[in-house]
PDB file of N, CA and C in Angstrom:
ATOM      1  N   MET A   1       0.845  -1.174   0.000  1.00  0.00           N
ATOM      2  CA  MET A   1       0.000   0.000   0.000  1.00  0.00           C
ATOM      3  C   MET A   1       0.894   1.243   0.000  1.00  0.00           C
ATOM      4  N   LYS A   2       0.503   2.225  -0.782  1.00  0.00           N
ATOM      5  CA  LYS A   2       1.260   3.467  -0.823  1.00  0.00           C
ATOM      6  C   LYS A   2       0.994   4.270   0.439  1.00  0.00           C
ATOM      7  N   LEU A   3       1.898   5.204   0.727  1.00  0.00           N
ATOM      8  CA  LEU A   3       1.796   5.992   1.954  1.00  0.00           C
ATOM      9  C   LEU A   3       0.531   6.844   1.978  1.00  0.00           C
ATOM     10  N   ALA A   4       0.180   7.463   0.861  1.00  0.00           N
ATOM     11  CA  ALA A   4      -1.018   8.305   0.818  1.00  0.00           C
ATOM     12  C   ALA A   4      -2.265   7.490   1.135  1.00  0.00           C
ATOM     13  N   GLU A   5      -2.349   6.286   0.587  1.00  0.00           N
ATOM     14  CA  GLU A   5      -3.492   5.410   0.865  1.00  0.00           C
ATOM     15  C   GLU A   5      -3.519   5.000   2.334  1.00  0.00           C
ATOM     16  N   ALA A   6      -2.352   4.731   2.902  1.00  0.00           N
ATOM     17  CA  ALA A   6      -2.264   4.343   4.310  1.00  0.00           C
ATOM     18  C   ALA A   6      -2.715   5.484   5.213  1.00  0.00           C
ATOM     19  N   ILE A   7      -2.364   6.710   4.861  1.00  0.00           N
ATOM     20  CA  ILE A   7      -2.779   7.867   5.665  1.00  0.00           C
ATOM     21  C   ILE A   7      -4.286   8.029   5.621  1.00  0.00           C
ATOM     22  N   ILE A   8      -4.872   7.925   4.429  1.00  0.00           N
ATOM     23  CA  ILE A   8      -6.332   8.058   4.298  1.00  0.00           C
ATOM     24  C   ILE A   8      -7.028   6.957   5.089  1.00  0.00           C
ATOM     25  N   LYS A   9      -6.535   5.739   4.987  1.00  0.00           N
ATOM     26  CA  LYS A   9      -7.146   4.628   5.715  1.00  0.00           C
ATOM     27  C   LYS A   9      -7.039   4.819   7.226  1.00  0.00           C
ATOM     28  N   SER A  10      -5.897   5.327   7.694  1.00  0.00           N
ATOM     29  CA  SER A  10      -5.736   5.532   9.129  1.00  0.00           C
ATOM     30  C   SER A  10      -6.625   6.670   9.627  1.00  0.00           C
ATOM     31  N   LEU A  11      -6.781   7.718   8.823  1.00  0.00           N
ATOM     32  CA  LEU A  11      -7.647   8.826   9.238  1.00  0.00           C
ATOM     33  C   LEU A  11      -9.112   8.407   9.299  1.00  0.00           C
ATOM     34  N   GLU A  12      -9.502   7.425   8.501  1.00  0.00           N
ATOM     35  CA  GLU A  12     -10.875   6.919   8.553  1.00  0.00           C
ATOM     36  C   GLU A  12     -11.175   6.243   9.886  1.00  0.00           C
ATOM     37  N   SER A  13     -10.143   5.694  10.519  1.00  0.00           N
ATOM     38  CA  SER A  13     -10.370   4.990  11.781  1.00  0.00           C
ATOM     39  C   SER A  13     -10.428   5.934  12.981  1.00  0.00           C
ATOM     40  N   PHE A  14      -9.972   7.189  12.812  1.00  0.00           N
ATOM     41  CA  PHE A  14     -10.019   8.155  13.901  1.00  0.00           C
ATOM     42  C   PHE A  14     -11.277   9.008  13.765  1.00  0.00           C
ATOM     43  N   ALA A  15     -12.000   9.193  14.858  1.00  0.00           N
ATOM     44  CA  ALA A  15     -13.239   9.965  14.827  1.00  0.00           C
ATOM     45  C   ALA A  15     -13.016  11.446  15.088  1.00  0.00           C
ATOM     46  N   LYS A  16     -11.840  11.804  15.549  1.00  0.00           N
ATOM     47  CA  LYS A  16     -11.561  13.204  15.884  1.00  0.00           C
ATOM     48  C   LYS A  16     -10.248  13.616  15.226  1.00  0.00           C
ATOM     49  N   PRO A  17      -9.938  14.904  15.183  1.00  0.00           N
ATOM     50  CA  PRO A  17      -8.651  15.334  14.639  1.00  0.00           C
ATOM     51  C   PRO A  17      -7.503  14.708  15.431  1.00  0.00           C
ATOM     52  N   THR A  18      -6.492  14.259  14.712  1.00  0.00           N
ATOM     53  CA  THR A  18      -5.421  13.489  15.316  1.00  0.00           C
ATOM     54  C   THR A  18      -4.069  14.078  14.937  1.00  0.00           C
ATOM     55  N   ALA A  19      -3.142  14.060  15.869  1.00  0.00           N
ATOM     56  CA  ALA A  19      -1.789  14.562  15.640  1.00  0.00           C
ATOM     57  C   ALA A  19      -1.038  13.622  14.693  1.00  0.00           C
ATOM     58  N   ALA A  20      -0.047  14.168  14.009  1.00  0.00           N
ATOM     59  CA  ALA A  20       0.710  13.407  13.018  1.00  0.00           C
ATOM     60  C   ALA A  20       1.436  12.220  13.654  1.00  0.00           C
ATOM     61  N   ASN A  21       1.934  12.380  14.867  1.00  0.00           N
ATOM     62  CA  ASN A  21       2.634  11.271  15.539  1.00  0.00           C
ATOM     63  C   ASN A  21       1.693  10.091  15.778  1.00  0.00           C
ATOM     64  N   ASP A  22       0.464  10.374  16.185  1.00  0.00           N
ATOM     65  CA  ASP A  22      -0.502   9.303  16.435  1.00  0.00           C
ATOM     66  C   ASP A  22      -0.891   8.599  15.141  1.00  0.00           C
ATOM     67  N   ILE A  23      -1.014   9.371  14.069  1.00  0.00           N
ATOM     68  CA  ILE A  23      -1.320   8.774  12.767  1.00  0.00           C
ATOM     69  C   ILE A  23      -0.164   7.880  12.334  1.00  0.00           C
ATOM     70  N   GLY A  24       1.059   8.364  12.502  1.00  0.00           N
ATOM     71  CA  GLY A  24       2.228   7.576  12.132  1.00  0.00           C
ATOM     72  C   GLY A  24       2.342   6.289  12.933  1.00  0.00           C
ATOM     73  N   LYS A  25       2.101   6.376  14.231  1.00  0.00           N
ATOM     74  CA  LYS A  25       2.167   5.176  15.069  1.00  0.00           C
ATOM     75  C   LYS A  25       1.102   4.163  14.662  1.00  0.00           C
ATOM     76  N   TYR A  26      -0.087   4.652  14.326  1.00  0.00           N
ATOM     77  CA  TYR A  26      -1.168   3.759  13.900  1.00  0.00           C
ATOM     78  C   TYR A  26      -0.779   3.038  12.608  1.00  0.00           C
ATOM     79  N   ILE A  27      -0.210   3.779  11.659  1.00  0.00           N
ATOM     80  CA  ILE A  27       0.188   3.183  10.379  1.00  0.00           C
ATOM     81  C   ILE A  27       1.274   2.125  10.588  1.00  0.00           C
ATOM     82  N   LEU A  28       2.253   2.435  11.409  1.00  0.00           N
ATOM     83  CA  LEU A  28       3.348   1.486  11.627  1.00  0.00           C
ATOM     84  C   LEU A  28       2.918   0.290  12.464  1.00  0.00           C
ATOM     85  N   ASP A  29       2.074   0.512  13.473  1.00  0.00           N
ATOM     86  CA  ASP A  29       1.624  -0.600  14.325  1.00  0.00           C
ATOM     87  C   ASP A  29       0.745  -1.586  13.566  1.00  0.00           C
ATOM     88  N   ASN A  30      -0.064  -1.082  12.637  1.00  0.00           N
ATOM     89  CA  ASN A  30      -0.978  -1.946  11.873  1.00  0.00           C
ATOM     90  C   ASN A  30      -0.381  -2.398  10.538  1.00  0.00           C
ATOM     91  N   HIS A  31       0.882  -2.069  10.309  1.00  0.00           N
ATOM     92  CA  HIS A  31       1.609  -2.483   9.102  1.00  0.00           C
ATOM     93  C   HIS A  31       0.869  -2.097   7.825  1.00  0.00           C
ATOM     94  N   LEU A  32       0.361  -0.874   7.795  1.00  0.00           N
ATOM     95  CA  LEU A  32      -0.324  -0.390   6.607  1.00  0.00           C
ATOM     96  C   LEU A  32       0.661   0.057   5.526  1.00  0.00           C
ATOM     97  N   TRP A  33       1.868   0.363   5.916  1.00  0.00           N
ATOM     98  CA  TRP A  33       2.892   0.852   4.986  1.00  0.00           C
ATOM     99  C   TRP A  33       4.208   0.212   5.362  1.00  0.00           C
ATOM    100  N   ASP A  34       4.846  -0.402   4.383  1.00  0.00           N
ATOM    101  CA  ASP A  34       6.119  -1.069   4.624  1.00  0.00           C
ATOM    102  C   ASP A  34       7.243  -0.133   4.193  1.00  0.00           C
ATOM    103  N   THR A  35       8.130   0.174   5.113  1.00  0.00           N
ATOM    104  CA  THR A  35       9.237   1.075   4.825  1.00  0.00           C
ATOM    105  C   THR A  35      10.535   0.499   5.344  1.00  0.00           C
ATOM    106  N   LYS A  36      11.613   0.871   4.676  1.00  0.00           N
ATOM    107  CA  LYS A  36      12.939   0.473   5.140  1.00  0.00           C
ATOM    108  C   LYS A  36      13.736   1.698   5.545  1.00  0.00           C
ATOM    109  N   GLY A  37      13.091   2.852   5.604  1.00  0.00           N
ATOM    110  CA  GLY A  37      13.766   4.093   5.968  1.00  0.00           C
ATOM    111  C   GLY A  37      14.065   4.161   7.457  1.00  0.00           C
ATOM    112  N   LEU A  38      14.929   5.095   7.801  1.00  0.00           N
ATOM    113  CA  LEU A  38      15.325   5.245   9.196  1.00  0.00           C
ATOM    114  C   LEU A  38      14.366   6.124   9.992  1.00  0.00           C
ATOM    115  N   THR A  39      13.635   7.007   9.320  1.00  0.00           N
ATOM    116  CA  THR A  39      12.733   7.932  10.009  1.00  0.00           C
ATOM    117  C   THR A  39      11.336   7.878   9.393  1.00  0.00           C
ATOM    118  N   PRO A  40      10.615   6.784   9.606  1.00  0.00           N
ATOM    119  CA  PRO A  40       9.289   6.669   8.988  1.00  0.00           C
ATOM    120  C   PRO A  40       8.280   7.676   9.547  1.00  0.00           C
ATOM    121  N   LEU A  41       8.372   8.027  10.820  1.00  0.00           N
ATOM    122  CA  LEU A  41       7.431   9.005  11.375  1.00  0.00           C
ATOM    123  C   LEU A  41       7.614  10.378  10.723  1.00  0.00           C
ATOM    124  N   ALA A  42       8.847  10.760  10.471  1.00  0.00           N
ATOM    125  CA  ALA A  42       9.108  12.039   9.808  1.00  0.00           C
ATOM    126  C   ALA A  42       8.583  12.025   8.376  1.00  0.00           C
ATOM    127  N   THR A  43       8.692  10.888   7.711  1.00  0.00           N
ATOM    128  CA  THR A  43       8.175  10.766   6.346  1.00  0.00           C
ATOM    129  C   THR A  43       6.658  10.890   6.334  1.00  0.00           C
ATOM    130  N   ILE A  44       6.015  10.276   7.292  1.00  0.00           N
ATOM    131  CA  ILE A  44       4.552  10.357   7.377  1.00  0.00           C
ATOM    132  C   ILE A  44       4.123  11.788   7.680  1.00  0.00           C
ATOM    133  N   GLN A  45       4.814  12.457   8.583  1.00  0.00           N
ATOM    134  CA  GLN A  45       4.488  13.849   8.897  1.00  0.00           C
ATOM    135  C   GLN A  45       4.675  14.746   7.679  1.00  0.00           C
ATOM    136  N   ALA A  46       5.736  14.516   6.914  1.00  0.00           N
ATOM    137  CA  ALA A  46       5.976  15.308   5.716  1.00  0.00           C
ATOM    138  C   ALA A  46       4.887  15.068   4.677  1.00  0.00           C
ATOM    139  N   ARG A  47       4.455  13.836   4.538  1.00  0.00           N
ATOM    140  CA  ARG A  47       3.398  13.519   3.567  1.00  0.00           C
ATOM    141  C   ARG A  47       2.072  14.142   3.981  1.00  0.00           C
ATOM    142  N   LEU A  48       1.799  14.211   5.266  1.00  0.00           N
ATOM    143  CA  LEU A  48       0.589  14.891   5.736  1.00  0.00           C
ATOM    144  C   LEU A  48       0.623  16.372   5.363  1.00  0.00           C
ATOM    145  N   GLY A  49       1.776  16.994   5.508  1.00  0.00           N
ATOM    146  CA  GLY A  49       1.924  18.386   5.101  1.00  0.00           C
ATOM    147  C   GLY A  49       1.773  18.549   3.597  1.00  0.00           C
ATOM    148  N   ASP A  50       2.229  17.550   2.828  1.00  0.00           N
ATOM    149  CA  ASP A  50       2.085  17.608   1.376  1.00  0.00           C
ATOM    150  C   ASP A  50       0.622  17.587   0.951  1.00  0.00           C
ATOM    151  N   PHE A  51      -0.209  16.870   1.682  1.00  0.00           N
ATOM    152  CA  PHE A  51      -1.643  16.874   1.373  1.00  0.00           C
ATOM    153  C   PHE A  51      -2.173  18.305   1.387  1.00  0.00           C
ATOM    154  N   ILE A  52      -1.778  19.073   2.380  1.00  0.00           N
ATOM    155  CA  ILE A  52      -2.264  20.444   2.530  1.00  0.00           C
ATOM    156  C   ILE A  52      -1.643  21.348   1.469  1.00  0.00           C
ATOM    157  N   ARG A  53      -0.325  21.258   1.291  1.00  0.00           N
ATOM    158  CA  ARG A  53       0.361  22.133   0.340  1.00  0.00           C
ATOM    159  C   ARG A  53      -0.074  21.889  -1.094  1.00  0.00           C
ATOM    160  N   GLU A  54      -0.361  20.645  -1.438  1.00  0.00           N
ATOM    161  CA  GLU A  54      -0.767  20.314  -2.803  1.00  0.00           C
ATOM    162  C   GLU A  54      -2.250  20.574  -3.051  1.00  0.00           C
ATOM    163  N   GLY A  55      -2.974  20.924  -2.012  1.00  0.00           N
ATOM    164  CA  GLY A  55      -4.394  21.241  -2.170  1.00  0.00           C
ATOM    165  C   GLY A  55      -5.284  20.022  -2.285  1.00  0.00           C
ATOM    166  N   ASP A  56      -4.842  18.892  -1.740  1.00  0.00           N
ATOM    167  CA  ASP A  56      -5.668  17.685  -1.753  1.00  0.00           C
ATOM    168  C   ASP A  56      -6.866  17.910  -0.842  1.00  0.00           C
ATOM    169  N   ASN A  57      -8.066  17.761  -1.379  1.00  0.00           N
ATOM    170  CA  ASN A  57      -9.287  18.082  -0.636  1.00  0.00           C
ATOM    171  C   ASN A  57      -9.725  16.984   0.324  1.00  0.00           C
ATOM    172  N   ARG A  58      -9.047  15.856   0.332  1.00  0.00           N
ATOM    173  CA  ARG A  58      -9.470  14.759   1.209  1.00  0.00           C
ATOM    174  C   ARG A  58      -9.033  14.962   2.651  1.00  0.00           C
ATOM    175  N   VAL A  59      -7.913  15.656   2.866  1.00  0.00           N
ATOM    176  CA  VAL A  59      -7.356  15.813   4.215  1.00  0.00           C
ATOM    177  C   VAL A  59      -7.350  17.285   4.591  1.00  0.00           C
ATOM    178  N   LYS A  60      -7.789  17.584   5.809  1.00  0.00           N
ATOM    179  CA  LYS A  60      -7.791  18.946   6.347  1.00  0.00           C
ATOM    180  C   LYS A  60      -7.003  18.937   7.654  1.00  0.00           C
ATOM    181  N   ARG A  61      -6.641  20.144   8.114  1.00  0.00           N
ATOM    182  CA  ARG A  61      -5.943  20.234   9.393  1.00  0.00           C
ATOM    183  C   ARG A  61      -6.367  21.495  10.128  1.00  0.00           C
ATOM    184  N   ILE A  62      -6.226  21.418  11.446  1.00  0.00           N
ATOM    185  CA  ILE A  62      -6.455  22.579  12.303  1.00  0.00           C
ATOM    186  C   ILE A  62      -5.240  22.705  13.221  1.00  0.00           C
ATOM    187  N   LYS A  63      -5.018  23.905  13.698  1.00  0.00           N
ATOM    188  CA  LYS A  63      -3.878  24.142  14.583  1.00  0.00           C
ATOM    189  C   LYS A  63      -4.416  24.510  15.953  1.00  0.00           C
ATOM    190  N   GLU A  64      -3.945  23.806  16.955  1.00  0.00           N
ATOM    191  CA  GLU A  64      -4.379  24.051  18.326  1.00  0.00           C
ATOM    192  C   GLU A  64      -3.154  23.997  19.226  1.00  0.00           C
ATOM    193  N   ASN A  65      -2.885  25.093  19.909  1.00  0.00           N
ATOM    194  CA  ASN A  65      -1.729  25.202  20.808  1.00  0.00           C
ATOM    195  C   ASN A  65      -0.414  24.879  20.100  1.00  0.00           C
ATOM    196  N   GLY A  66      -0.291  25.303  18.849  1.00  0.00           N
ATOM    197  CA  GLY A  66       0.940  25.110  18.112  1.00  0.00           C
ATOM    198  C   GLY A  66       1.114  23.731  17.508  1.00  0.00           C
ATOM    199  N   VAL A  67       0.117  22.875  17.597  1.00  0.00           N
ATOM    200  CA  VAL A  67       0.201  21.521  17.064  1.00  0.00           C
ATOM    201  C   VAL A  67      -0.865  21.359  15.984  1.00  0.00           C
ATOM    202  N   TYR A  68      -0.490  20.765  14.857  1.00  0.00           N
ATOM    203  CA  TYR A  68      -1.444  20.501  13.789  1.00  0.00           C
ATOM    204  C   TYR A  68      -2.143  19.176  14.039  1.00  0.00           C
ATOM    205  N   PHE A  69      -3.466  19.183  13.849  1.00  0.00           N
ATOM    206  CA  PHE A  69      -4.281  17.985  13.957  1.00  0.00           C
ATOM    207  C   PHE A  69      -4.946  17.762  12.604  1.00  0.00           C
ATOM    208  N   TYR A  70      -4.883  16.540  12.098  1.00  0.00           N
ATOM    209  CA  TYR A  70      -5.375  16.203  10.773  1.00  0.00           C
ATOM    210  C   TYR A  70      -6.664  15.392  10.878  1.00  0.00           C
ATOM    211  N   TYR A  71      -7.537  15.579   9.872  1.00  0.00           N
ATOM    212  CA  TYR A  71      -8.795  14.834   9.813  1.00  0.00           C
ATOM    213  C   TYR A  71      -9.251  14.768   8.366  1.00  0.00           C
ATOM    214  N   LEU A  72     -10.216  13.902   8.091  1.00  0.00           N
ATOM    215  CA  LEU A  72     -10.756  13.779   6.747  1.00  0.00           C
ATOM    216  C   LEU A  72     -11.791  14.869   6.500  1.00  0.00           C
ATOM    217  N   ALA A  73     -11.835  15.356   5.275  1.00  0.00           N
ATOM    218  CA  ALA A  73     -12.758  16.437   4.921  1.00  0.00           C
ATOM    219  C   ALA A  73     -14.210  15.990   5.040  1.00  0.00           C
ATOM    220  N   LYS A  74     -14.474  14.707   4.837  1.00  0.00           N
ATOM    221  CA  LYS A  74     -15.864  14.242   4.933  1.00  0.00           C
ATOM    222  C   LYS A  74     -16.384  14.275   6.375  1.00  0.00           C
ATOM    223  N   ASN A  75     -15.502  14.369   7.350  1.00  0.00           N
ATOM    224  CA  ASN A  75     -15.892  14.484   8.763  1.00  0.00           C
ATOM    225  C   ASN A  75     -15.862  15.923   9.250  1.00  0.00           C
ATOM    226  N   GLU A  76     -15.768  16.875   8.337  1.00  0.00           N
ATOM    227  CA  GLU A  76     -15.548  18.270   8.712  1.00  0.00           C
ATOM    228  C   GLU A  76     -16.705  18.859   9.512  1.00  0.00           C
ATOM    229  N   GLN A  77     -17.931  18.534   9.183  1.00  0.00           N
ATOM    230  CA  GLN A  77     -19.078  19.094   9.908  1.00  0.00           C
ATOM    231  C   GLN A  77     -19.052  18.692  11.379  1.00  0.00           C
ATOM    232  N   ASP A  78     -18.740  17.444  11.654  1.00  0.00           N
ATOM    233  CA  ASP A  78     -18.663  16.987  13.047  1.00  0.00           C
ATOM    234  C   ASP A  78     -17.526  17.675  13.785  1.00  0.00           C
ATOM    235  N   ILE A  79     -16.403  17.873  13.117  1.00  0.00           N
ATOM    236  CA  ILE A  79     -15.226  18.490  13.726  1.00  0.00           C
ATOM    237  C   ILE A  79     -15.501  19.951  14.049  1.00  0.00           C
ATOM    238  N   LYS A  80     -16.121  20.675  13.121  1.00  0.00           N
ATOM    239  CA  LYS A  80     -16.380  22.098  13.333  1.00  0.00           C
ATOM    240  C   LYS A  80     -17.310  22.332  14.516  1.00  0.00           C
ATOM    241  N   GLN A  81     -18.277  21.458  14.729  1.00  0.00           N
ATOM    242  CA  GLN A  81     -19.170  21.604  15.869  1.00  0.00           C
ATOM    243  C   GLN A  81     -18.411  21.457  17.171  1.00  0.00           C
ATOM    244  N   VAL A  82     -17.487  20.534  17.242  1.00  0.00           N
ATOM    245  CA  VAL A  82     -16.686  20.327  18.452  1.00  0.00           C
ATOM    246  C   VAL A  82     -15.767  21.521  18.675  1.00  0.00           C
ATOM    247  N   VAL A  83     -15.145  22.043  17.614  1.00  0.00           N
ATOM    248  CA  VAL A  83     -14.219  23.162  17.731  1.00  0.00           C
ATOM    249  C   VAL A  83     -14.959  24.421  18.168  1.00  0.00           C
ATOM    250  N   ILE A  84     -16.146  24.660  17.649  1.00  0.00           N
ATOM    251  CA  ILE A  84     -16.922  25.848  18.021  1.00  0.00           C
ATOM    252  C   ILE A  84     -17.281  25.805  19.503  1.00  0.00           C
ATOM    253  N   VAL A  85     -17.703  24.669  19.997  1.00  0.00           N
ATOM    254  CA  VAL A  85     -18.036  24.537  21.423  1.00  0.00           C
ATOM    255  C   VAL A  85     -16.792  24.772  22.270  1.00  0.00           C
ATOM    256  N   LYS A  86     -15.646  24.248  21.849  1.00  0.00           N
ATOM    257  CA  LYS A  86     -14.406  24.413  22.605  1.00  0.00           C
ATOM    258  C   LYS A  86     -13.982  25.885  22.606  1.00  0.00           C
ATOM    259  N   ASP A  87     -14.131  26.596  21.464  1.00  0.00           N
ATOM    260  CA  ASP A  87     -13.761  28.002  21.393  1.00  0.00           C
ATOM    261  C   ASP A  87     -14.626  28.855  22.307  1.00  0.00           C
ATOM    262  N   ILE A  88     -15.885  28.559  22.411  1.00  0.00           N
ATOM    263  CA  ILE A  88     -16.776  29.320  23.289  1.00  0.00           C
ATOM    264  C   ILE A  88     -16.337  29.176  24.732  1.00  0.00           C
ATOM    265  N   ASN A  89     -15.910  27.994  25.121  1.00  0.00           N
ATOM    266  CA  ASN A  89     -15.488  27.760  26.502  1.00  0.00           C
ATOM    267  C   ASN A  89     -14.135  28.389  26.817  1.00  0.00           C
ATOM    268  N   THR A  90     -13.237  28.489  25.846  1.00  0.00           N
ATOM    269  CA  THR A  90     -11.905  29.021  26.125  1.00  0.00           C
ATOM    270  C   THR A  90     -11.841  30.540  26.050  1.00  0.00           C
ATOM    271  N   ASP A  91     -12.809  31.197  25.429  1.00  0.00           N
ATOM    272  CA  ASP A  91     -12.778  32.651  25.321  1.00  0.00           C
ATOM    273  C   ASP A  91     -12.907  33.328  26.688  1.00  0.00           C
ATOM    274  N   LYS A  92     -13.491  32.681  27.637  1.00  0.00           N
ATOM    275  CA  LYS A  92     -13.701  33.279  28.952  1.00  0.00           C
ATOM    276  C   LYS A  92     -12.427  33.325  29.788  1.00  0.00           C
ATOM    277  N   LYS A  93     -11.421  32.569  29.412  1.00  0.00           N
ATOM    278  CA  LYS A  93     -10.227  32.433  30.243  1.00  0.00           C
ATOM    279  C   LYS A  93      -9.075  33.328  29.821  1.00  0.00           C
ATOM    280  N   LYS A  94      -9.287  34.276  28.921  1.00  0.00           N
ATOM    281  CA  LYS A  94      -8.195  35.124  28.460  1.00  0.00           C
ATOM    282  C   LYS A  94      -7.771  36.095  29.562  1.00  0.00           C
ATOM    283  N   LYS A  95      -6.466  36.278  29.688  1.00  0.00           N
ATOM    284  CA  LYS A  95      -5.914  37.154  30.712  1.00  0.00           C
ATOM    285  C   LYS A  95      -5.253  38.353  30.052  1.00  0.00           C
ATOM    286  N   THR A  96      -5.276  39.464  30.737  1.00  0.00           N
ATOM    287  CA  THR A  96      -4.616  40.662  30.254  1.00  0.00           C
ATOM    288  C   THR A  96      -3.251  40.765  30.913  1.00  0.00           C
ATOM    289  N   VAL A  97      -2.214  40.946  30.086  1.00  0.00           N
ATOM    290  CA  VAL A  97      -0.858  41.052  30.590  1.00  0.00           C
ATOM    291  C   VAL A  97      -0.448  42.524  30.548  1.00  0.00           C
ATOM    292  N   VAL A  98       0.005  43.036  31.678  1.00  0.00           N
ATOM    293  CA  VAL A  98       0.431  44.423  31.768  1.00  0.00           C
ATOM    294  C   VAL A  98       1.950  44.446  31.875  1.00  0.00           C
ATOM    295  N   ASN A  99       2.579  45.191  30.951  1.00  0.00           N
ATOM    296  CA  ASN A  99       4.033  45.330  31.004  1.00  0.00           C
ATOM    297  C   ASN A  99       4.380  46.517  31.888  1.00  0.00           C
ATOM    298  N   SER A 100       5.246  46.304  32.825  1.00  0.00           N
ATOM    299  CA  SER A 100       5.689  47.401  33.675  1.00  0.00           C
ATOM    300  C   SER A 100       7.205  47.514  33.567  1.00  0.00           C
ATOM    301  N   TYR A 101       7.697  48.725  33.638  1.00  0.00           N
ATOM    302  CA  TYR A 101       9.118  48.979  33.513  1.00  0.00           C
ATOM    303  C   TYR A 101       9.617  49.664  34.778  1.00  0.00           C
ATOM    304  N   HIS A 102      10.823  49.331  35.159  1.00  0.00           N
ATOM    305  CA  HIS A 102      11.463  49.992  36.282  1.00  0.00           C
ATOM    306  C   HIS A 102      12.305  51.143  35.745  1.00  0.00           C
ATOM    307  N   GLU A 103      12.556  52.120  36.599  1.00  0.00           N
ATOM    308  CA  GLU A 103      13.310  53.296  36.183  1.00  0.00           C
ATOM    309  C   GLU A 103      14.700  52.920  35.691  1.00  0.00           C
ATOM    310  N   ARG A 104      15.346  51.971  36.353  1.00  0.00           N
ATOM    311  CA  ARG A 104      16.714  51.611  35.946  1.00  0.00           C
ATOM    312  C   ARG A 104      16.731  50.918  34.586  1.00  0.00           C
ATOM    313  N   ASP A 105      15.615  50.272  34.180  1.00  0.00           N
ATOM    314  CA  ASP A 105      15.539  49.670  32.859  1.00  0.00           C
ATOM    315  C   ASP A 105      15.503  50.739  31.768  1.00  0.00           C
ATOM    316  N   LEU A 106      14.881  51.866  32.072  1.00  0.00           N
ATOM    317  CA  LEU A 106      14.755  52.944  31.090  1.00  0.00           C
ATOM    318  C   LEU A 106      15.947  53.899  31.092  1.00  0.00           C
ATOM    319  N   HIS A 107      16.845  53.800  32.056  1.00  0.00           N
ATOM    320  CA  HIS A 107      17.977  54.717  32.158  1.00  0.00           C
ATOM    321  C   HIS A 107      18.894  54.622  30.931  1.00  0.00           C
ATOM    322  N   ILE A 108      19.151  53.419  30.452  1.00  0.00           N
ATOM    323  CA  ILE A 108      20.020  53.247  29.285  1.00  0.00           C
ATOM    324  C   ILE A 108      19.392  53.886  28.052  1.00  0.00           C
ATOM    325  N   LEU A 109      18.111  53.732  27.886  1.00  0.00           N
ATOM    326  CA  LEU A 109      17.421  54.349  26.763  1.00  0.00           C
ATOM    327  C   LEU A 109      17.483  55.870  26.841  1.00  0.00           C
ATOM    328  N   LEU A 110      17.269  56.424  28.013  1.00  0.00           N
ATOM    329  CA  LEU A 110      17.312  57.874  28.198  1.00  0.00           C
ATOM    330  C   LEU A 110      18.727  58.412  27.951  1.00  0.00           C
ATOM    331  N   ALA A 111      19.729  57.749  28.475  1.00  0.00           N
ATOM    332  CA  ALA A 111      21.117  58.189  28.302  1.00  0.00           C
ATOM    333  C   ALA A 111      21.519  58.157  26.826  1.00  0.00           C
ATOM    334  N   THR A 112      21.081  57.153  26.086  1.00  0.00           N
ATOM    335  CA  THR A 112      21.409  57.089  24.657  1.00  0.00           C
ATOM    336  C   THR A 112      20.689  58.206  23.898  1.00  0.00           C
ATOM    337  N   TYR A 113      19.483  58.499  24.290  1.00  0.00           N
ATOM    338  CA  TYR A 113      18.718  59.542  23.625  1.00  0.00           C
ATOM    339  C   TYR A 113      19.362  60.916  23.864  1.00  0.00           C
ATOM    340  N   LEU A 114      19.821  61.177  25.053  1.00  0.00           N
ATOM    341  CA  LEU A 114      20.389  62.462  25.390  1.00  0.00           C
ATOM    342  C   LEU A 114      21.740  62.705  24.718  1.00  0.00           C
ATOM    343  N   LYS A 115      22.479  61.646  24.397  1.00  0.00           N
ATOM    344  CA  LYS A 115      23.757  61.802  23.713  1.00  0.00           C
ATOM    345  C   LYS A 115      23.507  62.314  22.311  1.00  0.00           C
TER     346      LYS A 115
END
């Protein structure tokens, strides 16, 4: 089986968006793709990115906390409902950060300006 087919088959078995490492482990554990390379997980992650860059409509991804999660486009309606509910719950927890400066921190800036 080719790698692209193995990725599509593995994504069909996941009901929610899944990280590339989990997809790679599933493919290797179930022997969906036979490889002799030294870094098969990196190859699978790169191929997942190729789906997006090449504009393949079968695979979609979302980014959450700096991590990409992949899912099949045919499951998009179910995924969007879960993401919308999660976004509503997380909007309440935003914090305001106030930057404060001490006088000695600004002394170097003032001295350079006066020169």
